[in-house]
N, C-alpha and C. Protein backbone atom coordinates (compact mmCIF):
# COMPACT_ATOMS: atom_id res chain seq x y z
N PRO A 1 0.63 -1.47 -0.08
CA PRO A 1 0.57 -0.02 -0.27
C PRO A 1 1.06 0.98 -0.15
N TYR A 2 0.31 2.42 -0.79
CA TYR A 2 1.47 3.45 -0.75
C TYR A 2 0.10 4.97 -0.15
N GLU A 3 0.82 5.49 0.08
CA GLU A 3 0.04 6.83 0.60
C GLU A 3 0.48 7.54 -0.41
N SER A 4 -0.61 9.41 -0.55
CA SER A 4 0.05 10.07 -1.41
C SER A 4 -0.48 11.91 -0.87
N PHE A 5 -0.20 12.68 -0.68
CA PHE A 5 -0.69 13.85 0.28
C PHE A 5 -0.42 15.07 -0.90
N ILE A 6 -1.44 15.78 -1.03
CA ILE A 6 -1.72 16.75 -2.25
C ILE A 6 -2.00 18.02 -1.33
N TRP A 7 -1.86 19.14 -1.29
CA TRP A 7 -1.81 20.26 -0.19
C TRP A 7 -1.64 21.55 -1.47
N LEU A 8 -2.41 22.88 -0.98
CA LEU A 8 -2.42 24.14 -2.02
C LEU A 8 -1.61 24.60 -0.67
N ASN A 9 -0.52 25.62 -1.30
CA ASN A 9 -0.25 26.58 -0.51
C ASN A 9 -1.23 27.47 -0.02
N GLY A 10 -1.22 28.24 1.03
CA GLY A 10 -2.50 29.23 1.33
C GLY A 10 -3.23 28.36 2.55
N ASN A 11 -4.23 28.47 2.52
CA ASN A 11 -5.00 27.99 3.56
C ASN A 11 -6.06 26.75 3.77
N MET A 12 -6.19 26.33 2.60
CA MET A 12 -6.61 25.46 2.28
C MET A 12 -6.06 23.63 1.72
N CYS A 13 -6.18 23.10 2.57
CA CYS A 13 -5.78 21.48 2.73
C CYS A 13 -6.58 20.32 1.85
N SER A 14 -5.57 19.15 1.13
CA SER A 14 -6.32 17.92 0.96
C SER A 14 -5.16 16.86 1.12
N ILE A 15 -5.63 16.26 0.88
CA ILE A 15 -5.49 14.81 1.51
C ILE A 15 -5.85 13.74 0.48
N LEU A 16 -5.21 13.26 0.13
CA LEU A 16 -5.55 12.08 -0.68
C LEU A 16 -5.08 10.72 -0.74
N VAL A 17 -5.60 9.50 -0.81
CA VAL A 17 -4.45 8.49 -0.40
C VAL A 17 -4.80 7.51 -1.51
N PHE A 18 -3.42 7.07 -2.60
CA PHE A 18 -3.88 6.65 -3.58
C PHE A 18 -2.55 5.63 -4.00
N SER A 19 -2.11 4.52 -4.76
CA SER A 19 -1.29 3.98 -4.37
C SER A 19 -0.26 4.17 -6.24
N PRO A 20 1.40 3.94 -6.06
CA PRO A 20 1.75 3.92 -5.11
C PRO A 20 2.92 4.68 -5.15
N SER A 21 2.82 6.24 -4.62
CA SER A 21 3.66 7.00 -4.85
C SER A 21 2.93 8.16 -3.91
N LYS A 22 4.16 9.25 -3.48
CA LYS A 22 3.07 10.53 -2.53
C LYS A 22 3.47 11.48 -3.51
N ILE A 23 2.70 12.44 -3.79
CA ILE A 23 2.26 13.79 -5.05
C ILE A 23 1.97 14.93 -3.86
N PHE A 24 3.06 15.97 -4.31
CA PHE A 24 2.67 16.89 -3.31
C PHE A 24 2.59 17.99 -4.71
N LEU A 25 1.70 19.03 -3.98
CA LEU A 25 0.95 19.84 -4.85
C LEU A 25 1.51 21.19 -4.30
N SER A 26 2.04 22.46 -5.13
CA SER A 26 2.22 23.55 -4.66
C SER A 26 1.66 24.57 -5.37
N VAL A 27 1.25 25.96 -5.26
CA VAL A 27 0.72 26.36 -6.17
C VAL A 27 1.41 28.22 -5.64
N ASP A 28 1.85 28.97 -6.34
CA ASP A 28 1.74 30.46 -6.26
C ASP A 28 0.49 31.03 -5.90
N PRO A 29 0.99 31.13 -4.55
CA PRO A 29 -0.34 32.24 -4.09
C PRO A 29 -0.89 33.48 -4.73
N SER A 30 -0.09 34.17 -5.79
CA SER A 30 -0.30 35.45 -5.66
C SER A 30 -0.89 35.28 -6.79
N ARG A 31 -1.27 34.19 -7.85
CA ARG A 31 -2.11 34.18 -9.37
C ARG A 31 -3.31 33.55 -9.17
N GLU A 32 -4.40 33.89 -9.82
CA GLU A 32 -5.59 33.17 -9.97
C GLU A 32 -5.46 31.82 -9.27
N ARG A 33 -6.73 31.00 -9.26
CA ARG A 33 -7.15 29.86 -9.10
C ARG A 33 -6.11 28.85 -10.26
N PRO A 34 -5.34 27.72 -9.64
CA PRO A 34 -4.27 26.87 -10.57
C PRO A 34 -5.27 25.87 -11.18
N LEU A 35 -4.94 25.29 -12.59
CA LEU A 35 -5.34 23.72 -12.90
C LEU A 35 -5.62 23.02 -11.45
N ILE A 36 -7.04 22.42 -11.51
CA ILE A 36 -7.63 21.43 -10.32
C ILE A 36 -7.34 19.96 -11.25
N ILE A 37 -6.48 19.00 -10.57
CA ILE A 37 -6.52 17.92 -10.73
C ILE A 37 -7.64 16.96 -10.53
N GLU A 38 -8.06 16.65 -11.62
CA GLU A 38 -9.45 15.65 -11.59
C GLU A 38 -9.13 14.28 -11.56
N GLU A 39 -8.13 13.70 -12.04
CA GLU A 39 -7.63 12.51 -12.15
C GLU A 39 -6.25 12.21 -11.84
N HIS A 40 -5.81 11.34 -11.52
CA HIS A 40 -4.15 10.79 -11.55
C HIS A 40 -4.31 9.49 -11.39
N SER A 41 -3.03 8.81 -12.23
CA SER A 41 -2.98 7.49 -11.84
C SER A 41 -1.60 6.91 -12.10
N LEU A 42 -1.12 5.92 -11.13
CA LEU A 42 0.55 5.28 -11.71
C LEU A 42 0.64 3.79 -11.96
N THR A 43 1.52 3.77 -12.87
CA THR A 43 1.46 2.73 -13.44
C THR A 43 2.98 2.27 -13.58
N GLU A 44 3.43 0.95 -13.63
CA GLU A 44 4.76 0.33 -13.46
C GLU A 44 5.94 1.78 -14.91
N GLU A 45 5.17 2.14 -15.62
CA GLU A 45 5.62 3.06 -16.76
C GLU A 45 5.77 4.43 -16.87
N THR A 46 4.00 4.61 -16.42
CA THR A 46 4.07 6.11 -16.31
C THR A 46 3.20 6.69 -15.40
N PHE A 47 3.19 8.16 -15.46
CA PHE A 47 2.51 8.57 -14.18
C PHE A 47 1.15 9.60 -15.10
N ASN A 48 0.16 9.41 -14.90
CA ASN A 48 -0.88 9.75 -15.74
C ASN A 48 -2.12 11.30 -14.98
N ILE A 49 -2.17 11.96 -15.81
CA ILE A 49 -2.85 13.50 -14.66
C ILE A 49 -3.59 14.20 -16.00
N SER A 50 -5.24 14.05 -15.41
CA SER A 50 -5.77 14.81 -16.25
C SER A 50 -5.92 16.27 -15.39
N LEU A 51 -6.49 17.35 -15.78
CA LEU A 51 -6.84 18.46 -14.95
C LEU A 51 -7.96 19.15 -15.86
N LYS A 52 -8.32 20.08 -14.76
CA LYS A 52 -9.61 20.85 -15.12
C LYS A 52 -8.85 22.52 -15.05
N GLY A 53 -9.34 23.19 -16.24
CA GLY A 53 -8.81 23.98 -16.40
C GLY A 53 -8.46 24.76 -17.71
N ALA A 54 -7.37 25.53 -17.60
CA ALA A 54 -7.11 26.03 -19.41
C ALA A 54 -6.44 24.76 -19.94
N ALA A 55 -6.22 25.08 -21.34
CA ALA A 55 -5.26 24.11 -21.89
C ALA A 55 -3.75 24.08 -21.21
N ILE A 56 -2.80 23.01 -21.51
CA ILE A 56 -1.68 23.04 -21.31
C ILE A 56 -0.42 23.26 -22.17
N ASP A 57 -0.01 24.26 -21.78
CA ASP A 57 1.63 24.78 -22.47
C ASP A 57 2.78 24.11 -22.59
N LEU A 58 2.93 22.85 -23.66
CA LEU A 58 3.50 21.73 -23.27
C LEU A 58 4.63 22.31 -23.39
N GLN A 59 5.60 23.56 -24.23
CA GLN A 59 6.20 23.81 -24.22
C GLN A 59 7.41 24.25 -22.72
N ASN A 60 6.15 24.80 -21.56
CA ASN A 60 6.83 24.57 -19.98
C ASN A 60 6.32 23.82 -19.20
N THR A 61 5.72 22.59 -19.74
CA THR A 61 5.56 21.17 -18.98
C THR A 61 6.54 20.28 -18.95
N TYR A 62 7.16 19.94 -17.87
CA TYR A 62 8.21 18.92 -17.71
C TYR A 62 8.49 18.25 -16.78
N MET A 63 9.41 17.49 -16.55
CA MET A 63 9.72 16.99 -15.06
C MET A 63 10.85 16.63 -14.94
N VAL A 64 11.76 16.62 -13.67
CA VAL A 64 13.22 16.55 -13.59
C VAL A 64 13.11 15.48 -12.58
N GLY A 65 14.37 14.31 -12.64
CA GLY A 65 13.97 13.30 -11.75
C GLY A 65 15.35 13.73 -10.89
N ASP A 66 15.47 12.80 -9.89
CA ASP A 66 16.45 13.12 -9.16
C ASP A 66 18.04 13.17 -9.73
N SER A 67 17.76 12.47 -11.16
CA SER A 67 19.50 12.36 -11.46
C SER A 67 19.97 13.61 -12.47
N GLY A 68 18.59 14.40 -12.69
CA GLY A 68 18.64 16.07 -13.35
C GLY A 68 17.72 15.35 -14.47
N GLU A 69 17.91 14.75 -14.67
CA GLU A 69 17.35 14.54 -16.35
C GLU A 69 16.23 15.06 -16.43
N VAL A 70 15.86 15.99 -17.17
CA VAL A 70 14.75 16.70 -18.02
C VAL A 70 13.51 15.64 -19.08
N LEU A 71 12.63 15.31 -18.56
CA LEU A 71 11.42 14.41 -19.36
C LEU A 71 10.06 15.26 -19.28
N LYS A 72 9.97 15.49 -21.08
CA LYS A 72 8.65 16.02 -21.08
C LYS A 72 7.53 14.66 -21.38
N PRO A 73 6.27 15.32 -21.50
CA PRO A 73 5.17 14.70 -21.73
C PRO A 73 5.31 13.35 -23.00
N ILE A 74 4.98 12.34 -22.50
CA ILE A 74 4.71 11.35 -23.61
C ILE A 74 3.98 11.55 -24.62
N SER A 75 3.14 12.03 -23.76
CA SER A 75 0.86 12.36 -24.90
C SER A 75 0.53 13.56 -23.91
N TYR A 76 0.23 13.98 -24.91
CA TYR A 76 -0.71 14.91 -24.06
C TYR A 76 -2.46 14.78 -25.00
N ASP A 77 -3.24 14.58 -24.26
CA ASP A 77 -4.90 15.17 -25.25
C ASP A 77 -5.31 15.98 -24.60
N ARG A 78 -5.84 16.93 -25.47
CA ARG A 78 -6.53 18.24 -25.15
C ARG A 78 -7.90 18.34 -24.98
N GLU A 79 -8.59 17.31 -25.40
CA GLU A 79 -10.18 17.60 -25.53
C GLU A 79 -10.10 16.91 -23.59
N ASP A 80 -9.23 15.91 -23.13
CA ASP A 80 -9.54 15.87 -21.84
C ASP A 80 -8.39 16.61 -20.58
N ASN A 81 -7.39 17.10 -21.72
CA ASN A 81 -6.51 18.45 -20.80
C ASN A 81 -5.73 17.07 -19.95
N ALA A 82 -5.43 16.03 -20.64
CA ALA A 82 -4.67 14.90 -19.78
C ALA A 82 -3.27 14.77 -20.42
N LEU A 83 -2.69 14.09 -19.52
CA LEU A 83 -1.43 14.26 -19.82
C LEU A 83 -0.29 12.79 -19.41
N ILE A 84 0.62 12.53 -20.14
CA ILE A 84 1.13 11.00 -19.59
C ILE A 84 2.36 11.71 -19.48
N PHE A 85 3.08 11.10 -18.34
CA PHE A 85 4.32 11.13 -17.84
C PHE A 85 5.56 9.96 -18.16
N PRO A 86 6.35 9.77 -18.40
CA PRO A 86 7.26 8.63 -18.34
C PRO A 86 7.41 8.10 -16.63
N PHE A 87 7.55 6.79 -16.19
CA PHE A 87 7.68 6.72 -14.69
C PHE A 87 8.57 5.82 -14.54
N ASN A 88 9.78 5.91 -13.88
CA ASN A 88 10.57 4.55 -14.06
C ASN A 88 11.07 4.53 -11.64
N ASN A 89 10.08 4.73 -11.24
CA ASN A 89 10.28 4.17 -9.84
C ASN A 89 11.22 5.34 -9.13
N GLU A 90 11.38 6.84 -9.64
CA GLU A 90 12.46 7.58 -9.51
C GLU A 90 12.02 8.78 -8.82
N GLU A 91 12.10 9.81 -7.90
CA GLU A 91 11.26 10.95 -7.65
C GLU A 91 11.48 12.22 -8.71
N TYR A 92 10.64 12.83 -8.48
CA TYR A 92 10.79 13.78 -9.61
C TYR A 92 9.96 15.08 -9.14
N ASN A 93 10.01 15.94 -9.69
CA ASN A 93 9.69 17.34 -9.45
C ASN A 93 9.11 17.30 -10.93
N ILE A 94 7.90 17.81 -11.19
CA ILE A 94 6.29 18.26 -11.92
C ILE A 94 6.35 19.29 -12.42
N TYR A 95 6.42 20.16 -13.39
CA TYR A 95 5.70 21.30 -13.64
C TYR A 95 5.07 21.29 -14.41
N ILE A 96 3.41 22.00 -14.46
CA ILE A 96 2.62 21.48 -15.06
C ILE A 96 1.99 22.92 -15.66
N THR A 97 1.90 23.54 -16.41
CA THR A 97 1.82 24.93 -16.88
C THR A 97 0.45 25.42 -17.89
N ASP A 98 0.24 26.37 -17.35
CA ASP A 98 -1.51 25.99 -18.29
C ASP A 98 -1.16 27.37 -19.52
N ILE A 99 -1.59 27.36 -20.32
CA ILE A 99 -1.76 29.01 -21.21
C ILE A 99 -1.64 29.99 -21.16
N THR A 100 -2.84 30.24 -19.61
CA THR A 100 -2.08 31.51 -19.33
C THR A 100 -1.09 31.91 -18.01
N GLY A 101 -0.20 30.41 -17.93
CA GLY A 101 0.94 31.09 -17.26
C GLY A 101 0.80 30.28 -15.98
N LYS A 102 -0.05 30.36 -15.07
CA LYS A 102 -0.10 29.58 -13.91
C LYS A 102 0.73 27.98 -14.21
N THR A 103 1.29 27.56 -12.82
CA THR A 103 2.03 26.20 -12.71
C THR A 103 1.27 25.89 -11.90
N LEU A 104 1.75 24.31 -12.13
CA LEU A 104 1.09 23.60 -10.91
C LEU A 104 2.97 22.86 -10.70
N HIS A 105 3.13 22.95 -9.09
CA HIS A 105 4.35 21.82 -8.87
C HIS A 105 4.08 21.00 -8.30
N LEU A 106 4.77 19.51 -8.91
CA LEU A 106 4.46 18.12 -8.19
C LEU A 106 5.11 17.71 -7.90
N LEU A 107 5.65 16.89 -6.65
CA LEU A 107 6.93 16.46 -6.15
C LEU A 107 6.04 14.76 -6.22
N LEU A 108 6.80 13.85 -7.62
CA LEU A 108 5.97 12.77 -7.21
C LEU A 108 7.33 11.55 -6.50
N SER A 109 6.88 11.23 -5.58
CA SER A 109 7.90 10.72 -4.52
C SER A 109 7.51 9.08 -4.56
N PRO A 110 8.20 7.88 -5.40
CA PRO A 110 7.88 6.76 -4.79
C PRO A 110 8.12 6.29 -3.32
N ARG A 111 7.29 5.60 -2.89
CA ARG A 111 7.49 5.08 -1.69
C ARG A 111 8.50 3.82 -1.54
N LYS A 112 9.00 3.35 -0.74
CA LYS A 112 10.54 2.99 -0.77
C LYS A 112 10.25 1.83 0.36
């Protein structure tokens, strides 16, 4: 079993439990309401996330692994606003930017 925590900087906190990793979400509180995570899942090879809000700016959406390697999403479904990132059981900082310039910063950390 794995657990994960998601929180927004500021006054509001949410805790979600899912498998098999931890995700931490931070948002710049000086900006308007951020993208909202609608669904997410993790497989042995991918991290999948769909968001409510503006379309994703793929040029400024990426993740950085513990090794420093920068990876882009392997697919984006504009209709569902859904991204698929590669995953190899490493810790990642994920930066998802929408076309209005709002950025979500997620920390995907596999449970050891």
